[in-house]
Every structure is written in structure tokens, then in C-alpha cells.
C-alpha atoms as a PDB file:
ATOM      1  CA  MET A   1      27.453   9.359  15.338  1.00  0.00           C
ATOM      2  CA  THR A   2      31.033   8.814  14.234  1.00  0.00           C
ATOM      3  CA  ASP A   3      30.311   5.066  13.934  1.00  0.00           C
ATOM      4  CA  ILE A   4      27.756   5.761  11.171  1.00  0.00           C
ATOM      5  CA  LEU A   5      30.397   7.624   9.179  1.00  0.00           C
ATOM      6  CA  SER A   6      33.095   4.974   9.613  1.00  0.00           C
ATOM      7  CA  ASP A   7      33.881   2.159   7.220  1.00  0.00           C
ATOM      8  CA  THR A   8      33.332  -0.665   9.687  1.00  0.00           C
ATOM      9  CA  PRO A   9      31.053  -3.541   8.674  1.00  0.00           C
ATOM     10  CA  ALA A  10      28.632  -2.614  11.470  1.00  0.00           C
ATOM     11  CA  ALA A  11      28.431   0.963  10.189  1.00  0.00           C
ATOM     12  CA  LYS A  12      27.723  -0.251   6.653  1.00  0.00           C
ATOM     13  CA  VAL A  13      24.932  -2.542   7.910  1.00  0.00           C
ATOM     14  CA  ARG A  14      23.484   0.324   9.932  1.00  0.00           C
ATOM     15  CA  SER A  15      23.610   2.681   6.940  1.00  0.00           C
ATOM     16  CA  ILE A  16      21.900   0.215   4.621  1.00  0.00           C
ATOM     17  CA  GLN A  17      19.215  -0.599   7.194  1.00  0.00           C
ATOM     18  CA  ILE A  18      18.522   3.070   7.889  1.00  0.00           C
ATOM     19  CA  ALA A  19      18.416   3.898   4.173  1.00  0.00           C
ATOM     20  CA  ALA A  20      16.055   0.998   3.379  1.00  0.00           C
ATOM     21  CA  ALA A  21      13.729   1.790   6.265  1.00  0.00           C
ATOM     22  CA  LEU A  22      13.772   5.504   5.431  1.00  0.00           C
ATOM     23  CA  ILE A  23      12.877   4.822   1.806  1.00  0.00           C
ATOM     24  CA  VAL A  24       9.973   2.575   2.833  1.00  0.00           C
ATOM     25  CA  ALA A  25       8.730   5.015   5.494  1.00  0.00           C
ATOM     26  CA  VAL A  26       8.831   8.078   3.229  1.00  0.00           C
ATOM     27  CA  ALA A  27       7.521   6.364   0.093  1.00  0.00           C
ATOM     28  CA  GLY A  28       4.858   4.500   2.081  1.00  0.00           C
ATOM     29  CA  ALA A  29       3.670   7.700   3.746  1.00  0.00           C
ATOM     30  CA  GLY A  30       3.723   9.410   0.352  1.00  0.00           C
ATOM     31  CA  THR A  31       1.615   6.629  -1.137  1.00  0.00           C
ATOM     32  CA  LEU A  32      -0.941   7.016   1.640  1.00  0.00           C
ATOM     33  CA  ALA A  33      -0.911  10.789   1.163  1.00  0.00           C
ATOM     34  CA  GLY A  34      -1.536  10.261  -2.547  1.00  0.00           C
ATOM     35  CA  ALA A  35      -4.486   7.970  -1.841  1.00  0.00           C
ATOM     36  CA  TRP A  36      -5.982  10.514   0.545  1.00  0.00           C
ATOM     37  CA  TYR A  37      -5.340  13.302  -1.991  1.00  0.00           C
ATOM     38  CA  PHE A  38      -7.264  11.446  -4.690  1.00  0.00           C
ATOM     39  CA  GLN A  39     -10.055  10.794  -2.211  1.00  0.00           C
ATOM     40  CA  LEU A  40     -10.370  14.200  -0.533  1.00  0.00           C
ATOM     41  CA  VAL A  41      -9.144  16.668  -3.165  1.00  0.00           C
ATOM     42  CA  VAL A  42      -9.851  14.999  -6.496  1.00  0.00           C
ATOM     43  CA  GLY A  43     -13.060  13.443  -5.198  1.00  0.00           C
ATOM     44  CA  LEU A  44     -12.503   9.808  -6.170  1.00  0.00           C
ATOM     45  CA  ALA A  45     -14.387   7.714  -3.638  1.00  0.00           C
ATOM     46  CA  PRO A  46     -12.395   4.586  -2.743  1.00  0.00           C
ATOM     47  CA  CYS A  47     -13.933   1.173  -3.252  1.00  0.00           C
ATOM     48  CA  PRO A  48     -13.621  -1.519  -0.559  1.00  0.00           C
ATOM     49  CA  LEU A  49     -10.516  -2.991  -2.248  1.00  0.00           C
ATOM     50  CA  CYS A  50      -8.889   0.456  -2.354  1.00  0.00           C
ATOM     51  CA  LEU A  51      -9.422   0.822   1.373  1.00  0.00           C
ATOM     52  CA  GLU A  52      -8.012  -2.657   2.058  1.00  0.00           C
ATOM     53  CA  GLN A  53      -4.842  -1.792   0.158  1.00  0.00           C
ATOM     54  CA  ARG A  54      -4.124   1.019   2.614  1.00  0.00           C
ATOM     55  CA  VAL A  55      -4.089  -1.214   5.700  1.00  0.00           C
ATOM     56  CA  PRO A  56      -0.590  -2.707   5.155  1.00  0.00           C
ATOM     57  CA  TYR A  57       0.774   0.826   4.727  1.00  0.00           C
ATOM     58  CA  TYR A  58      -0.848   1.966   7.980  1.00  0.00           C
ATOM     59  CA  ALA A  59       1.137  -0.745   9.764  1.00  0.00           C
ATOM     60  CA  GLY A  60       4.213  -0.788   7.526  1.00  0.00           C
ATOM     61  CA  VAL A  61       5.160   2.884   7.837  1.00  0.00           C
ATOM     62  CA  PRO A  62       5.382   2.769  11.664  1.00  0.00           C
ATOM     63  CA  PHE A  63       7.346  -0.493  11.494  1.00  0.00           C
ATOM     64  CA  ALA A  64       9.776   1.182   9.082  1.00  0.00           C
ATOM     65  CA  VAL A  65      10.168   4.126  11.472  1.00  0.00           C
ATOM     66  CA  LEU A  66      10.865   1.691  14.311  1.00  0.00           C
ATOM     67  CA  ALA A  67      13.470  -0.010  12.095  1.00  0.00           C
ATOM     68  CA  ILE A  68      15.174   3.366  11.545  1.00  0.00           C
ATOM     69  CA  LEU A  69      15.279   3.972  15.290  1.00  0.00           C
ATOM     70  CA  SER A  70      16.544   0.459  16.010  1.00  0.00           C
ATOM     71  CA  ALA A  71      19.307   0.645  13.428  1.00  0.00           C
ATOM     72  CA  ALA A  72      20.331   4.127  14.578  1.00  0.00           C
ATOM     73  CA  ALA A  73      20.443   2.885  18.185  1.00  0.00           C
ATOM     74  CA  GLY A  74      22.850   0.121  17.165  1.00  0.00           C
ATOM     75  CA  ASN A  75      20.460  -2.826  17.277  1.00  0.00           C
ATOM     76  CA  PRO A  76      20.789  -4.389  13.802  1.00  0.00           C
ATOM     77  CA  LYS A  77      19.024  -7.630  14.777  1.00  0.00           C
ATOM     78  CA  LEU A  78      15.856  -5.809  15.829  1.00  0.00           C
ATOM     79  CA  ALA A  79      16.094  -3.568  12.766  1.00  0.00           C
ATOM     80  CA  ARG A  80      16.393  -6.704  10.610  1.00  0.00           C
ATOM     81  CA  VAL A  81      13.239  -8.199  12.149  1.00  0.00           C
ATOM     82  CA  LEU A  82      11.323  -4.934  11.798  1.00  0.00           C
ATOM     83  CA  LEU A  83      12.410  -4.600   8.155  1.00  0.00           C
ATOM     84  CA  ALA A  84      11.343  -8.193   7.479  1.00  0.00           C
ATOM     85  CA  VAL A  85       7.907  -7.488   8.970  1.00  0.00           C
ATOM     86  CA  THR A  86       7.732  -4.289   6.922  1.00  0.00           C
ATOM     87  CA  GLY A  87       8.656  -6.255   3.804  1.00  0.00           C
ATOM     88  CA  ALA A  88       5.917  -8.794   4.509  1.00  0.00           C
ATOM     89  CA  LEU A  89       3.397  -5.977   4.947  1.00  0.00           C
ATOM     90  CA  MET A  90       4.466  -4.345   1.683  1.00  0.00           C
ATOM     91  CA  ALA A  91       4.238  -7.734  -0.061  1.00  0.00           C
ATOM     92  CA  THR A  92       0.675  -7.991   1.242  1.00  0.00           C
ATOM     93  CA  ALA A  93      -0.051  -4.515  -0.142  1.00  0.00           C
ATOM     94  CA  ALA A  94       1.408  -5.571  -3.499  1.00  0.00           C
ATOM     95  CA  ALA A  95      -0.701  -8.750  -3.582  1.00  0.00           C
ATOM     96  CA  LEU A  96      -3.872  -6.805  -2.783  1.00  0.00           C
ATOM     97  CA  ALA A  97      -3.047  -4.221  -5.453  1.00  0.00           C
ATOM     98  CA  ILE A  98      -2.346  -6.891  -8.087  1.00  0.00           C
ATOM     99  CA  TYR A  99      -5.628  -8.583  -7.194  1.00  0.00           C
ATOM    100  CA  HIS A 100      -7.505  -5.273  -7.471  1.00  0.00           C
ATOM    101  CA  ALA A 101      -5.861  -4.378 -10.791  1.00  0.00           C
ATOM    102  CA  GLY A 102      -6.838  -7.829 -12.097  1.00  0.00           C
ATOM    103  CA  VAL A 103     -10.433  -7.213 -11.024  1.00  0.00           C
ATOM    104  CA  GLU A 104     -10.383  -3.860 -12.859  1.00  0.00           C
ATOM    105  CA  TRP A 105      -9.076  -5.528 -16.027  1.00  0.00           C
ATOM    106  CA  HIS A 106     -11.662  -8.327 -15.597  1.00  0.00           C
ATOM    107  CA  PHE A 107      -8.956 -11.011 -15.396  1.00  0.00           C
ATOM    108  CA  TRP A 108     -10.848 -12.498 -12.448  1.00  0.00           C
ATOM    109  CA  ALA A 109     -13.983 -11.788 -10.478  1.00  0.00           C
ATOM    110  CA  GLY A 110     -13.878  -9.432  -7.546  1.00  0.00           C
ATOM    111  CA  PRO A 111     -15.888  -9.509  -4.359  1.00  0.00           C
ATOM    112  CA  THR A 112     -19.629  -9.478  -4.929  1.00  0.00           C
ATOM    113  CA  SER A 113     -19.988  -6.585  -2.491  1.00  0.00           C
ATOM    114  CA  CYS A 114     -18.435  -4.132  -4.953  1.00  0.00           C
ATOM    115  CA  THR A 115     -18.689  -5.686  -8.411  1.00  0.00           C
ATOM    116  CA  GLY A 116     -21.569  -6.609 -10.638  1.00  0.00           C
ATOM    117  CA  SER A 117     -24.625  -4.783 -11.850  1.00  0.00           C
ATOM    118  CA  GLY A 118     -25.490  -2.638  -8.834  1.00  0.00           C
ATOM    119  CA  PRO A 119     -28.371  -2.588  -6.377  1.00  0.00           C
ATOM    120  CA  ALA A 120     -31.633  -4.377  -7.099  1.00  0.00           C
ATOM    121  CA  ILE A 121     -34.494  -2.023  -7.849  1.00  0.00           C
ATOM    122  CA  SER A 122     -38.091  -2.894  -7.072  1.00  0.00           C
ATOM    123  CA  THR A 123     -40.705  -2.518  -9.764  1.00  0.00           C
ATOM    124  CA  GLY A 124     -42.932  -0.366  -7.518  1.00  0.00           C
ATOM    125  CA  ASN A 125     -41.691   3.210  -7.206  1.00  0.00           C
ATOM    126  CA  MET A 126     -38.455   3.238  -9.203  1.00  0.00           C
ATOM    127  CA  LEU A 127     -37.401   6.771  -8.262  1.00  0.00           C
ATOM    128  CA  GLU A 128     -37.818   6.063  -4.554  1.00  0.00           C
ATOM    129  CA  SER A 129     -35.881   2.790  -4.887  1.00  0.00           C
ATOM    130  CA  LEU A 130     -33.007   4.592  -6.597  1.00  0.00           C
ATOM    131  CA  GLN A 131     -32.894   7.306  -3.942  1.00  0.00           C
ATOM    132  CA  GLN A 132     -32.805   4.758  -1.125  1.00  0.00           C
ATOM    133  CA  ALA A 133     -30.268   2.432  -2.756  1.00  0.00           C
ATOM    134  CA  PRO A 134     -26.860   2.596  -1.039  1.00  0.00           C
ATOM    135  CA  ARG A 135     -24.052   4.111  -3.114  1.00  0.00           C
ATOM    136  CA  VAL A 136     -21.611   1.305  -3.893  1.00  0.00           C
ATOM    137  CA  VAL A 137     -18.266   2.234  -5.355  1.00  0.00           C
ATOM    138  CA  ARG A 138     -17.432  -0.492  -7.831  1.00  0.00           C
ATOM    139  CA  CYS A 139     -14.155  -2.375  -7.540  1.00  0.00           C
ATOM    140  CA  ASP A 140     -14.172  -3.519 -11.156  1.00  0.00           C
ATOM    141  CA  GLU A 141     -14.173  -0.036 -12.692  1.00  0.00           C
ATOM    142  CA  ALA A 142     -11.079   2.142 -12.511  1.00  0.00           C
ATOM    143  CA  PRO A 143     -12.257   5.747 -12.134  1.00  0.00           C
ATOM    144  CA  TRP A 144      -8.821   7.153 -13.069  1.00  0.00           C
ATOM    145  CA  ARG A 145      -5.962   5.976 -15.279  1.00  0.00           C
ATOM    146  CA  LEU A 146      -2.663   7.446 -16.381  1.00  0.00           C
ATOM    147  CA  ALA A 147      -0.979   5.811 -19.363  1.00  0.00           C
ATOM    148  CA  GLY A 148      -3.577   3.045 -19.106  1.00  0.00           C
ATOM    149  CA  ILE A 149      -2.611   2.174 -15.527  1.00  0.00           C
ATOM    150  CA  SER A 150      -5.067   2.595 -12.661  1.00  0.00           C
ATOM    151  CA  LEU A 151      -4.264   3.656  -9.110  1.00  0.00           C
ATOM    152  CA  ALA A 152      -4.311  -0.025  -8.124  1.00  0.00           C
ATOM    153  CA  GLY A 153      -1.761  -0.725 -10.848  1.00  0.00           C
ATOM    154  CA  TYR A 154       0.527   2.036  -9.643  1.00  0.00           C
ATOM    155  CA  ASN A 155       0.125   0.793  -6.090  1.00  0.00           C
ATOM    156  CA  ALA A 156       1.186  -2.684  -7.237  1.00  0.00           C
ATOM    157  CA  VAL A 157       4.406  -1.254  -8.656  1.00  0.00           C
ATOM    158  CA  ILE A 158       5.111   0.926  -5.609  1.00  0.00           C
ATOM    159  CA  ALA A 159       4.358  -1.808  -3.069  1.00  0.00           C
ATOM    160  CA  THR A 160       6.494  -4.335  -4.974  1.00  0.00           C
ATOM    161  CA  ALA A 161       9.423  -1.909  -5.024  1.00  0.00           C
ATOM    162  CA  LEU A 162       9.019  -1.199  -1.305  1.00  0.00           C
ATOM    163  CA  THR A 163       8.900  -4.945  -0.626  1.00  0.00           C
ATOM    164  CA  LEU A 164      12.250  -5.386  -2.350  1.00  0.00           C
ATOM    165  CA  VAL A 165      13.798  -2.413  -0.527  1.00  0.00           C
ATOM    166  CA  ALA A 166      12.586  -3.616   2.877  1.00  0.00           C
ATOM    167  CA  PHE A 167      13.806  -7.176   2.310  1.00  0.00           C
ATOM    168  CA  ARG A 168      17.165  -5.844   1.083  1.00  0.00           C
ATOM    169  CA  GLY A 169      17.518  -3.956   4.346  1.00  0.00           C
ATOM    170  CA  ALA A 170      16.509  -7.047   6.304  1.00  0.00           C
ATOM    171  CA  ALA A 171      19.006  -9.256   4.465  1.00  0.00           C
ATOM    172  CA  VAL A 172      22.104  -7.121   5.004  1.00  0.00           C
ATOM    173  CA  ARG A 173      24.637  -8.564   7.428  1.00  0.00           C
END
């Protein structure tokens, strides 16, 4: 414990690695909690792209926790590797979020499974066809915006920041 408080180069590396990993772990878990809050409390059903954006966080938060433990145990090389993996996962989350935000703004086409005009309806019994049609949450419509930015847009900003923090922790020597 006294090594963490000292001014040695190893202690400084350890402190930076722990701080970077802690920031990514807490902010990543908070981002997931926010997504679940909007889904379960606010009632915004996630589209397939929304769900895909969560996957890198599900892996990245535990990797960040492992990086904290590795740095605290005095293994900066392992912490560096874990932070680099965490950074790559957060970069993946950022790329997915940027892609999704672009789909919402109609900069490019999204997957056909969640964009377009909706389910085909037969000309027979229209009411029955509508009742049996699966509910598809559209990826190209943002159900919520704050200051003109959708949840995917905010996720792009958060994931990009966490990418930079994780890679900063991985780069310290």
C-alpha cells in the first residue's frame, strides 16, 4: 500500500493504470445501467443495433476490473494488456454507436431487419395480419433525443472517451 503512495515511477504507472481502469469500469457500468433504465423504467424498447452496442460493455467492464486488480497487485504488464483489450472493446462500442447514429440520421442504410417500411400485410384480413405481425423496433428512428442527440449519439461520445482513457492507461510506462 505504501508503494502506491510513493513517488516512484512504478507507483505512478500503477496509479495511472488503476485510475484509467476505474474510470472505464465505473463509466461503462453506468452506461449499461442507463441503457437498462431507459429500457425498463422509461419503456423505450431497444432496437437490434441498440442491443449490439451493449455487448462491448458487457466484456469491457470486467476487463477493466481485471486491469484494476492486476495493477493493484503490481503486474503493470498484464494491466497494460487488459487496458488495451478494454480500449479495443470500447472502440468497437464507439464504432457501433457511430454507425447507429448515422442510420438514425439517414446518412447510410441500416440493416434491413430493423429499417424500412415495416412488416408486409396481406390484402385478406388486414386486422388479423396486423395483430400477427411481429413488433420490430426500428433502428432508423430515434425514440428519444436530448439537445438533438439520440442515445446512440451519446453512446458514441461516451465510448470514444472511454477508448481514449483505456488506451492512455495502456500506454503509460
